[in-house]
Amino acid sequence: MPPVCPGRPFSTPPPIRFTRDRPHAHRPAINNTTMTQFFTLHPEQPQPRLLRQAAEIIRDGGLVVLPTDSAYALGCQIGDAGVLDRIRRIRAVDERHHFTLMCRDLSEIATYARVDNRQYRLLKATTPGPYTFILEGTKELPRRVLHPKRKTIGLRVPEHAVVSALLAELDGPLLTSTLILPGEDLPLSDIDEIRERLDKQVDLVIEAGYCGPEATTVIDLTSGAPELIRAGRGPLGPFGLE
């Protein structure tokens, strides 16, 4: 069974607390109008009923916060322009921001990205795992999710039981972006803070045990040699970049 994010053991979260006196309560929220649901899933054997409900929310155009094998991420369907705009507003990024397509396996990556033999060998050696790879997108992807000049996108295969089960339920990939809010250097990792700061900004928050603040390692594979874009949880040894 794939491991979950390291840290404290899985437990049912405490009731929502009033946050008037919380240390981060002064941070600004991002205005929106949606109602936010909250699901607690078992980290190794996620409940099928909740997975089906989460998938239905996503299919209906919802924006979700989900745990991964690195940090929490925002996720949605590929083709929904309105949800992409919501992610850009929450993260305060423009159209040059690289979204990440979260895939079930290498075969699915090859559907949405151009992968040569050299790239395939690197992907096979490091997936699933906490890596994001920048690759040239195929015509299977809407242009609006690609980098406007380079026509590239991030792709990854997470090693996380809940995400893997959700992707299987969806029978397809998720378009994602690491949950780093404006003014922050690291992704949000405290579930209470996530619920507070993103209340009514997303449609669903999924918890499946503690998920740390270390994002994926991002490697650009579009040139002759792997290029490190962001150091993160994934070791650099497989790419000769240590």
C-alpha atoms as a PDB file:
ATOM      1  CA  MET A   1       0.000   0.000   0.000  1.00  0.00           C
ATOM      2  CA  PRO A   2       1.503   3.438  -0.915  1.00  0.00           C
ATOM      3  CA  PRO A   3       2.676   5.493   2.082  1.00  0.00           C
ATOM      4  CA  VAL A   4       0.971   8.642   3.155  1.00  0.00           C
ATOM      5  CA  CYS A   5       2.536  11.968   4.053  1.00  0.00           C
ATOM      6  CA  PRO A   6       5.009  11.601   6.912  1.00  0.00           C
ATOM      7  CA  GLY A   7       4.337  13.073  10.312  1.00  0.00           C
ATOM      8  CA  ARG A   8       1.757  12.563  13.008  1.00  0.00           C
ATOM      9  CA  PRO A   9      -0.437   9.432  12.813  1.00  0.00           C
ATOM     10  CA  PHE A  10      -3.888   9.626  11.317  1.00  0.00           C
ATOM     11  CA  SER A  11      -6.600  10.750  13.668  1.00  0.00           C
ATOM     12  CA  THR A  12     -10.021  12.338  13.448  1.00  0.00           C
ATOM     13  CA  PRO A  13      -9.577  16.138  13.399  1.00  0.00           C
ATOM     14  CA  PRO A  14     -10.853  18.168  16.342  1.00  0.00           C
ATOM     15  CA  PRO A  15     -14.025  20.232  15.995  1.00  0.00           C
ATOM     16  CA  ILE A  16     -13.737  23.549  14.199  1.00  0.00           C
ATOM     17  CA  ARG A  17     -12.600  26.237  16.610  1.00  0.00           C
ATOM     18  CA  PHE A  18     -13.305  29.944  16.568  1.00  0.00           C
ATOM     19  CA  THR A  19     -10.201  31.665  15.246  1.00  0.00           C
ATOM     20  CA  ARG A  20     -10.429  35.186  16.589  1.00  0.00           C
ATOM     21  CA  ASP A  21      -7.357  34.707  18.768  1.00  0.00           C
ATOM     22  CA  ARG A  22      -5.390  32.356  16.506  1.00  0.00           C
ATOM     23  CA  PRO A  23      -1.903  33.618  15.615  1.00  0.00           C
ATOM     24  CA  HIS A  24      -2.633  33.590  11.872  1.00  0.00           C
ATOM     25  CA  ALA A  25      -6.168  35.000  12.101  1.00  0.00           C
ATOM     26  CA  HIS A  26      -5.022  38.430  10.882  1.00  0.00           C
ATOM     27  CA  ARG A  27      -4.014  37.076   7.468  1.00  0.00           C
ATOM     28  CA  PRO A  28      -6.341  38.187   4.674  1.00  0.00           C
ATOM     29  CA  ALA A  29      -8.827  35.789   3.122  1.00  0.00           C
ATOM     30  CA  ILE A  30      -9.612  35.618  -0.590  1.00  0.00           C
ATOM     31  CA  ASN A  31     -13.174  36.524  -1.411  1.00  0.00           C
ATOM     32  CA  ASN A  32     -15.432  33.966  -3.082  1.00  0.00           C
ATOM     33  CA  THR A  33     -18.924  32.620  -2.560  1.00  0.00           C
ATOM     34  CA  THR A  34     -18.733  28.833  -2.471  1.00  0.00           C
ATOM     35  CA  MET A  35     -19.680  26.585   0.426  1.00  0.00           C
ATOM     36  CA  THR A  36     -16.808  24.440   1.651  1.00  0.00           C
ATOM     37  CA  GLN A  37     -17.301  20.789   2.602  1.00  0.00           C
ATOM     38  CA  PHE A  38     -14.808  18.790   4.681  1.00  0.00           C
ATOM     39  CA  PHE A  39     -14.088  15.064   4.334  1.00  0.00           C
ATOM     40  CA  THR A  40     -11.834  12.978   6.579  1.00  0.00           C
ATOM     41  CA  LEU A  41     -10.577   9.929   4.680  1.00  0.00           C
ATOM     42  CA  HIS A  42      -8.623   6.995   6.022  1.00  0.00           C
ATOM     43  CA  PRO A  43      -5.019   7.413   4.784  1.00  0.00           C
ATOM     44  CA  GLU A  44      -4.577   3.800   3.682  1.00  0.00           C
ATOM     45  CA  GLN A  45      -8.114   2.541   3.034  1.00  0.00           C
ATOM     46  CA  PRO A  46     -10.134   5.596   1.938  1.00  0.00           C
ATOM     47  CA  GLN A  47     -13.884   5.192   2.231  1.00  0.00           C
ATOM     48  CA  PRO A  48     -15.446   4.471  -1.207  1.00  0.00           C
ATOM     49  CA  ARG A  49     -18.546   6.541  -0.434  1.00  0.00           C
ATOM     50  CA  LEU A  50     -16.479   9.662   0.298  1.00  0.00           C
ATOM     51  CA  LEU A  51     -14.301   9.055  -2.750  1.00  0.00           C
ATOM     52  CA  ARG A  52     -17.406   8.924  -4.938  1.00  0.00           C
ATOM     53  CA  GLN A  53     -18.717  12.139  -3.410  1.00  0.00           C
ATOM     54  CA  ALA A  54     -15.357  13.879  -3.873  1.00  0.00           C
ATOM     55  CA  ALA A  55     -15.190  12.767  -7.504  1.00  0.00           C
ATOM     56  CA  GLU A  56     -18.711  14.044  -8.109  1.00  0.00           C
ATOM     57  CA  ILE A  57     -17.797  17.449  -6.684  1.00  0.00           C
ATOM     58  CA  ILE A  58     -14.811  17.605  -9.034  1.00  0.00           C
ATOM     59  CA  ARG A  59     -16.855  16.515 -12.060  1.00  0.00           C
ATOM     60  CA  ASP A  60     -19.400  19.217 -11.250  1.00  0.00           C
ATOM     61  CA  GLY A  61     -16.664  21.852 -11.580  1.00  0.00           C
ATOM     62  CA  GLY A  62     -15.576  21.989  -7.945  1.00  0.00           C
ATOM     63  CA  LEU A  63     -12.209  23.046  -6.566  1.00  0.00           C
ATOM     64  CA  VAL A  64     -10.727  20.779  -3.893  1.00  0.00           C
ATOM     65  CA  VAL A  65      -7.815  20.780  -1.462  1.00  0.00           C
ATOM     66  CA  LEU A  66      -6.222  17.344  -1.292  1.00  0.00           C
ATOM     67  CA  PRO A  67      -3.213  15.767   0.432  1.00  0.00           C
ATOM     68  CA  THR A  68      -0.372  14.264  -1.590  1.00  0.00           C
ATOM     69  CA  ASP A  69       2.920  12.517  -0.930  1.00  0.00           C
ATOM     70  CA  SER A  70       4.520  15.956  -0.563  1.00  0.00           C
ATOM     71  CA  ALA A  71       2.256  18.894   0.317  1.00  0.00           C
ATOM     72  CA  TYR A  72      -1.408  19.848   0.061  1.00  0.00           C
ATOM     73  CA  ALA A  73      -2.559  20.865  -3.416  1.00  0.00           C
ATOM     74  CA  LEU A  74      -5.496  22.552  -5.100  1.00  0.00           C
ATOM     75  CA  GLY A  75      -7.144  20.292  -7.668  1.00  0.00           C
ATOM     76  CA  CYS A  76      -9.836  20.424 -10.368  1.00  0.00           C
ATOM     77  CA  GLN A  77     -10.882  19.014 -13.743  1.00  0.00           C
ATOM     78  CA  ILE A  78      -8.664  19.728 -16.728  1.00  0.00           C
ATOM     79  CA  GLY A  79     -11.061  21.625 -18.953  1.00  0.00           C
ATOM     80  CA  ASP A  80     -12.900  24.005 -16.609  1.00  0.00           C
ATOM     81  CA  ALA A  81     -11.675  27.548 -17.305  1.00  0.00           C
ATOM     82  CA  GLY A  82     -13.636  29.013 -14.395  1.00  0.00           C
ATOM     83  CA  VAL A  83     -11.942  26.761 -11.845  1.00  0.00           C
ATOM     84  CA  LEU A  84      -8.523  27.579 -13.325  1.00  0.00           C
ATOM     85  CA  ASP A  85      -9.270  31.244 -12.753  1.00  0.00           C
ATOM     86  CA  ARG A  86     -10.212  30.483  -9.142  1.00  0.00           C
ATOM     87  CA  ILE A  87      -6.864  28.765  -8.572  1.00  0.00           C
ATOM     88  CA  ARG A  88      -5.016  31.706 -10.120  1.00  0.00           C
ATOM     89  CA  ARG A  89      -6.879  34.133  -7.854  1.00  0.00           C
ATOM     90  CA  ILE A  90      -6.259  32.072  -4.713  1.00  0.00           C
ATOM     91  CA  ARG A  91      -2.559  31.712  -5.496  1.00  0.00           C
ATOM     92  CA  ALA A  92      -2.158  35.175  -7.089  1.00  0.00           C
ATOM     93  CA  VAL A  93      -0.416  33.759 -10.175  1.00  0.00           C
ATOM     94  CA  ASP A  94      -0.823  34.606 -13.862  1.00  0.00           C
ATOM     95  CA  GLU A  95      -1.134  32.519 -17.020  1.00  0.00           C
ATOM     96  CA  ARG A  96       2.616  31.791 -16.992  1.00  0.00           C
ATOM     97  CA  HIS A  97       2.200  29.638 -13.888  1.00  0.00           C
ATOM     98  CA  HIS A  98       2.906  25.970 -14.551  1.00  0.00           C
ATOM     99  CA  PHE A  99      -0.038  23.829 -13.511  1.00  0.00           C
ATOM    100  CA  THR A 100       0.631  20.178 -12.691  1.00  0.00           C
ATOM    101  CA  LEU A 101      -1.318  17.288 -14.142  1.00  0.00           C
ATOM    102  CA  MET A 102      -1.597  14.575 -11.493  1.00  0.00           C
ATOM    103  CA  CYS A 103      -1.717  11.222 -13.301  1.00  0.00           C
ATOM    104  CA  ARG A 104      -2.329   7.593 -12.359  1.00  0.00           C
ATOM    105  CA  ASP A 105       0.711   6.156 -14.116  1.00  0.00           C
ATOM    106  CA  LEU A 106       3.330   6.642 -16.838  1.00  0.00           C
ATOM    107  CA  SER A 107       0.889   5.589 -19.534  1.00  0.00           C
ATOM    108  CA  GLU A 108      -1.385   8.476 -18.624  1.00  0.00           C
ATOM    109  CA  ILE A 109       1.558  10.894 -18.588  1.00  0.00           C
ATOM    110  CA  ALA A 110       2.390   9.775 -22.144  1.00  0.00           C
ATOM    111  CA  THR A 111      -1.155  10.662 -23.224  1.00  0.00           C
ATOM    112  CA  TYR A 112      -0.782  14.287 -22.174  1.00  0.00           C
ATOM    113  CA  ALA A 113       2.958  14.939 -22.678  1.00  0.00           C
ATOM    114  CA  ARG A 114       5.560  14.217 -25.326  1.00  0.00           C
ATOM    115  CA  VAL A 115       7.975  11.703 -23.793  1.00  0.00           C
ATOM    116  CA  ASP A 116      11.090  10.417 -25.576  1.00  0.00           C
ATOM    117  CA  ASN A 117      13.137   7.383 -24.561  1.00  0.00           C
ATOM    118  CA  ARG A 118      15.550   9.348 -22.359  1.00  0.00           C
ATOM    119  CA  GLN A 119      12.729  11.099 -20.531  1.00  0.00           C
ATOM    120  CA  TYR A 120      10.825   7.835 -20.147  1.00  0.00           C
ATOM    121  CA  ARG A 121      13.760   6.144 -18.422  1.00  0.00           C
ATOM    122  CA  LEU A 122      14.005   8.993 -15.897  1.00  0.00           C
ATOM    123  CA  LEU A 123      10.260   8.968 -15.290  1.00  0.00           C
ATOM    124  CA  LYS A 124      10.199   5.210 -14.836  1.00  0.00           C
ATOM    125  CA  ALA A 125      13.011   5.390 -12.262  1.00  0.00           C
ATOM    126  CA  THR A 126      11.375   8.112 -10.156  1.00  0.00           C
ATOM    127  CA  THR A 127       7.605   7.580 -10.309  1.00  0.00           C
ATOM    128  CA  PRO A 128       5.476   7.312  -8.347  1.00  0.00           C
ATOM    129  CA  GLY A 129       7.049   9.811  -5.997  1.00  0.00           C
ATOM    130  CA  PRO A 130       7.371  13.462  -4.897  1.00  0.00           C
ATOM    131  CA  TYR A 131       8.534  14.840  -8.246  1.00  0.00           C
ATOM    132  CA  THR A 132       6.970  17.171 -10.790  1.00  0.00           C
ATOM    133  CA  PHE A 133       8.324  17.046 -14.341  1.00  0.00           C
ATOM    134  CA  ILE A 134       8.062  19.859 -16.872  1.00  0.00           C
ATOM    135  CA  LEU A 135       7.305  18.397 -20.302  1.00  0.00           C
ATOM    136  CA  GLU A 136       5.850  19.559 -23.596  1.00  0.00           C
ATOM    137  CA  GLY A 137       2.091  19.050 -23.670  1.00  0.00           C
ATOM    138  CA  THR A 138       0.172  17.174 -26.354  1.00  0.00           C
ATOM    139  CA  LYS A 139      -2.984  18.175 -28.204  1.00  0.00           C
ATOM    140  CA  GLU A 140      -4.995  16.247 -25.614  1.00  0.00           C
ATOM    141  CA  LEU A 141      -4.622  19.264 -23.309  1.00  0.00           C
ATOM    142  CA  PRO A 142      -6.509  22.558 -23.665  1.00  0.00           C
ATOM    143  CA  ARG A 143      -4.145  25.407 -24.552  1.00  0.00           C
ATOM    144  CA  ARG A 144      -5.240  27.398 -21.517  1.00  0.00           C
ATOM    145  CA  VAL A 145      -3.615  24.908 -19.109  1.00  0.00           C
ATOM    146  CA  LEU A 146      -0.237  25.073 -20.890  1.00  0.00           C
ATOM    147  CA  HIS A 147       2.494  27.665 -20.446  1.00  0.00           C
ATOM    148  CA  PRO A 148       1.543  30.335 -23.038  1.00  0.00           C
ATOM    149  CA  LYS A 149       4.973  30.496 -24.696  1.00  0.00           C
ATOM    150  CA  ARG A 150       6.617  27.134 -24.027  1.00  0.00           C
ATOM    151  CA  LYS A 151       3.451  24.987 -24.356  1.00  0.00           C
ATOM    152  CA  THR A 152       4.655  22.969 -21.373  1.00  0.00           C
ATOM    153  CA  ILE A 153       2.980  21.617 -18.256  1.00  0.00           C
ATOM    154  CA  GLY A 154       4.002  19.916 -15.026  1.00  0.00           C
ATOM    155  CA  LEU A 155       3.196  16.217 -14.645  1.00  0.00           C
ATOM    156  CA  ARG A 156       3.524  13.818 -11.746  1.00  0.00           C
ATOM    157  CA  VAL A 157       2.429  10.427 -10.385  1.00  0.00           C
ATOM    158  CA  PRO A 158       1.823  10.749  -6.618  1.00  0.00           C
ATOM    159  CA  GLU A 159       2.577   7.942  -4.185  1.00  0.00           C
ATOM    160  CA  HIS A 160      -0.417   8.453  -1.906  1.00  0.00           C
ATOM    161  CA  ALA A 161      -3.269   6.013  -1.313  1.00  0.00           C
ATOM    162  CA  VAL A 162      -6.049   8.618  -1.145  1.00  0.00           C
ATOM    163  CA  VAL A 163      -4.988  10.486  -4.272  1.00  0.00           C
ATOM    164  CA  SER A 164      -4.457   7.242  -6.182  1.00  0.00           C
ATOM    165  CA  ALA A 165      -7.943   6.072  -5.226  1.00  0.00           C
ATOM    166  CA  LEU A 166      -9.462   9.428  -6.181  1.00  0.00           C
ATOM    167  CA  LEU A 167      -7.760   9.365  -9.588  1.00  0.00           C
ATOM    168  CA  ALA A 168      -9.074   5.841 -10.118  1.00  0.00           C
ATOM    169  CA  GLU A 169     -12.590   6.969  -9.196  1.00  0.00           C
ATOM    170  CA  LEU A 170     -12.307   9.893 -11.622  1.00  0.00           C
ATOM    171  CA  ASP A 171     -10.849   7.602 -14.295  1.00  0.00           C
ATOM    172  CA  GLY A 172      -8.553  10.425 -15.345  1.00  0.00           C
ATOM    173  CA  PRO A 173      -6.051  13.030 -14.170  1.00  0.00           C
ATOM    174  CA  LEU A 174      -6.442  16.069 -11.953  1.00  0.00           C
ATOM    175  CA  LEU A 175      -5.118  19.528 -12.743  1.00  0.00           C
ATOM    176  CA  THR A 176      -3.355  20.755  -9.603  1.00  0.00           C
ATOM    177  CA  SER A 177      -1.278  23.510  -8.052  1.00  0.00           C
ATOM    178  CA  THR A 178       0.643  23.406  -4.772  1.00  0.00           C
ATOM    179  CA  LEU A 179      -1.238  25.123  -1.931  1.00  0.00           C
ATOM    180  CA  ILE A 180       1.078  28.096  -1.468  1.00  0.00           C
ATOM    181  CA  LEU A 181      -0.848  31.283  -0.712  1.00  0.00           C
ATOM    182  CA  PRO A 182       0.301  34.826  -1.547  1.00  0.00           C
ATOM    183  CA  GLY A 183       3.047  36.029   0.786  1.00  0.00           C
ATOM    184  CA  GLU A 184       3.944  32.496   1.902  1.00  0.00           C
ATOM    185  CA  ASP A 185       7.173  30.646   1.136  1.00  0.00           C
ATOM    186  CA  LEU A 186       5.888  27.170   2.004  1.00  0.00           C
ATOM    187  CA  PRO A 187       2.665  25.271   1.319  1.00  0.00           C
ATOM    188  CA  LEU A 188       0.025  25.303   4.047  1.00  0.00           C
ATOM    189  CA  SER A 189       0.238  22.152   6.163  1.00  0.00           C
ATOM    190  CA  ASP A 190      -2.010  22.772   9.185  1.00  0.00           C
ATOM    191  CA  ILE A 191      -5.497  21.486   8.435  1.00  0.00           C
ATOM    192  CA  ASP A 192      -7.177  23.972  10.781  1.00  0.00           C
ATOM    193  CA  GLU A 193      -5.418  26.862   9.061  1.00  0.00           C
ATOM    194  CA  ILE A 194      -6.376  25.516   5.652  1.00  0.00           C
ATOM    195  CA  ARG A 195     -10.032  25.288   6.682  1.00  0.00           C
ATOM    196  CA  GLU A 196      -9.944  28.791   8.119  1.00  0.00           C
ATOM    197  CA  ARG A 197      -8.141  30.577   5.323  1.00  0.00           C
ATOM    198  CA  LEU A 198      -9.868  28.806   2.437  1.00  0.00           C
ATOM    199  CA  ASP A 199     -13.366  28.690   3.902  1.00  0.00           C
ATOM    200  CA  LYS A 200     -15.793  29.557   1.083  1.00  0.00           C
ATOM    201  CA  GLN A 201     -12.856  29.750  -1.355  1.00  0.00           C
ATOM    202  CA  VAL A 202     -12.892  26.051  -2.292  1.00  0.00           C
ATOM    203  CA  ASP A 203     -15.664  23.482  -2.556  1.00  0.00           C
ATOM    204  CA  LEU A 204     -14.041  20.645  -0.619  1.00  0.00           C
ATOM    205  CA  VAL A 205     -11.129  20.075   1.769  1.00  0.00           C
ATOM    206  CA  ILE A 206      -9.893  16.484   2.112  1.00  0.00           C
ATOM    207  CA  GLU A 207      -7.887  15.405   5.151  1.00  0.00           C
ATOM    208  CA  ALA A 208      -6.156  12.037   5.381  1.00  0.00           C
ATOM    209  CA  GLY A 209      -3.654  12.560   8.184  1.00  0.00           C
ATOM    210  CA  TYR A 210      -0.862  15.075   8.493  1.00  0.00           C
ATOM    211  CA  CYS A 211       0.688  16.359   5.258  1.00  0.00           C
ATOM    212  CA  GLY A 212       3.933  18.317   5.565  1.00  0.00           C
ATOM    213  CA  PRO A 213       5.021  21.671   4.132  1.00  0.00           C
ATOM    214  CA  GLU A 214       7.633  20.365   1.675  1.00  0.00           C
ATOM    215  CA  ALA A 215       6.568  20.619  -1.966  1.00  0.00           C
ATOM    216  CA  THR A 216       7.653  18.354  -4.808  1.00  0.00           C
ATOM    217  CA  THR A 217      11.026  18.584  -6.466  1.00  0.00           C
ATOM    218  CA  VAL A 218      10.462  20.131  -9.912  1.00  0.00           C
ATOM    219  CA  ILE A 219      12.643  18.934 -12.792  1.00  0.00           C
ATOM    220  CA  ASP A 220      12.513  20.391 -16.314  1.00  0.00           C
ATOM    221  CA  LEU A 221      13.051  17.606 -18.855  1.00  0.00           C
ATOM    222  CA  THR A 222      12.494  19.643 -22.015  1.00  0.00           C
ATOM    223  CA  SER A 223      16.176  20.343 -22.696  1.00  0.00           C
ATOM    224  CA  GLY A 224      19.122  18.019 -23.214  1.00  0.00           C
ATOM    225  CA  ALA A 225      19.778  17.453 -19.511  1.00  0.00           C
ATOM    226  CA  PRO A 226      17.507  17.537 -16.441  1.00  0.00           C
ATOM    227  CA  GLU A 227      17.286  21.054 -15.004  1.00  0.00           C
ATOM    228  CA  LEU A 228      16.372  21.695 -11.382  1.00  0.00           C
ATOM    229  CA  ILE A 229      13.563  24.244 -11.104  1.00  0.00           C
ATOM    230  CA  ARG A 230      12.677  23.743  -7.437  1.00  0.00           C
ATOM    231  CA  ALA A 231      14.324  21.631  -4.764  1.00  0.00           C
ATOM    232  CA  GLY A 232      11.737  19.810  -2.691  1.00  0.00           C
ATOM    233  CA  ARG A 233      10.973  16.491  -1.066  1.00  0.00           C
ATOM    234  CA  GLY A 234      12.292  14.311  -3.891  1.00  0.00           C
ATOM    235  CA  PRO A 235      16.043  13.490  -3.792  1.00  0.00           C
ATOM    236  CA  LEU A 236      18.186  14.830  -6.648  1.00  0.00           C
ATOM    237  CA  GLY A 237      20.440  11.789  -6.993  1.00  0.00           C
ATOM    238  CA  PRO A 238      18.492  10.091  -9.814  1.00  0.00           C
ATOM    239  CA  PHE A 239      19.101  13.145 -12.021  1.00  0.00           C
ATOM    240  CA  GLY A 240      22.785  13.680 -11.230  1.00  0.00           C
ATOM    241  CA  LEU A 241      22.002  17.080  -9.719  1.00  0.00           C
ATOM    242  CA  GLU A 242      23.308  16.596  -6.160  1.00  0.00           C
END
